[in-house]
């Protein structure tokens, strides 16, 4: 049993929850893999600026307190996993905050805008007035674009990590 998820597991969940993930699901994922993580830890990491805040989305349910729920961008799984890995490597949360990615907010903003754009485009393709003949082509193009966008975000995060924590030269 590990203290953090392996890369393939993270990728699996990134695909499964590409439209967003609830705090309940985030905590469940880590617990299912035997990794300690709680709602309190999630709140603390958000307050420390290590993780993004959720955004409210409609649930379609009627009744009190059922009109919306908080969804986090799916890359929160990768972010938590990175924090867990750094803790295992001996860093403290204060160390992690001090060395946190310099461009994280900008990268997160780009990621949120892309997710919103993909969601809007998908809704447009599913609308009644959209040409049925073009639907499969556009859906395939959107799928490819999502993969490309995910790769871009990962590359930007890696560049940011290198800028923030450069390797010493010999």
Foldseek 3Di string as FASTA:
>chain_A
DDQFDDPVLLVVQCVVQQLFDAPVVLCVSCVVVVHDDDPVNVVVCVVLVLFPWFDWDADPDDDPPRGTGTTGRSCRSVSVRVVSVVVVVPDDVVNCSQLPQPCVVVLVVVVVVLSVVLVVVLVVLPDPPHDPVCSVVVVVVSVVVSVVSVVVSVVVNVVSNCVSDPDDDD
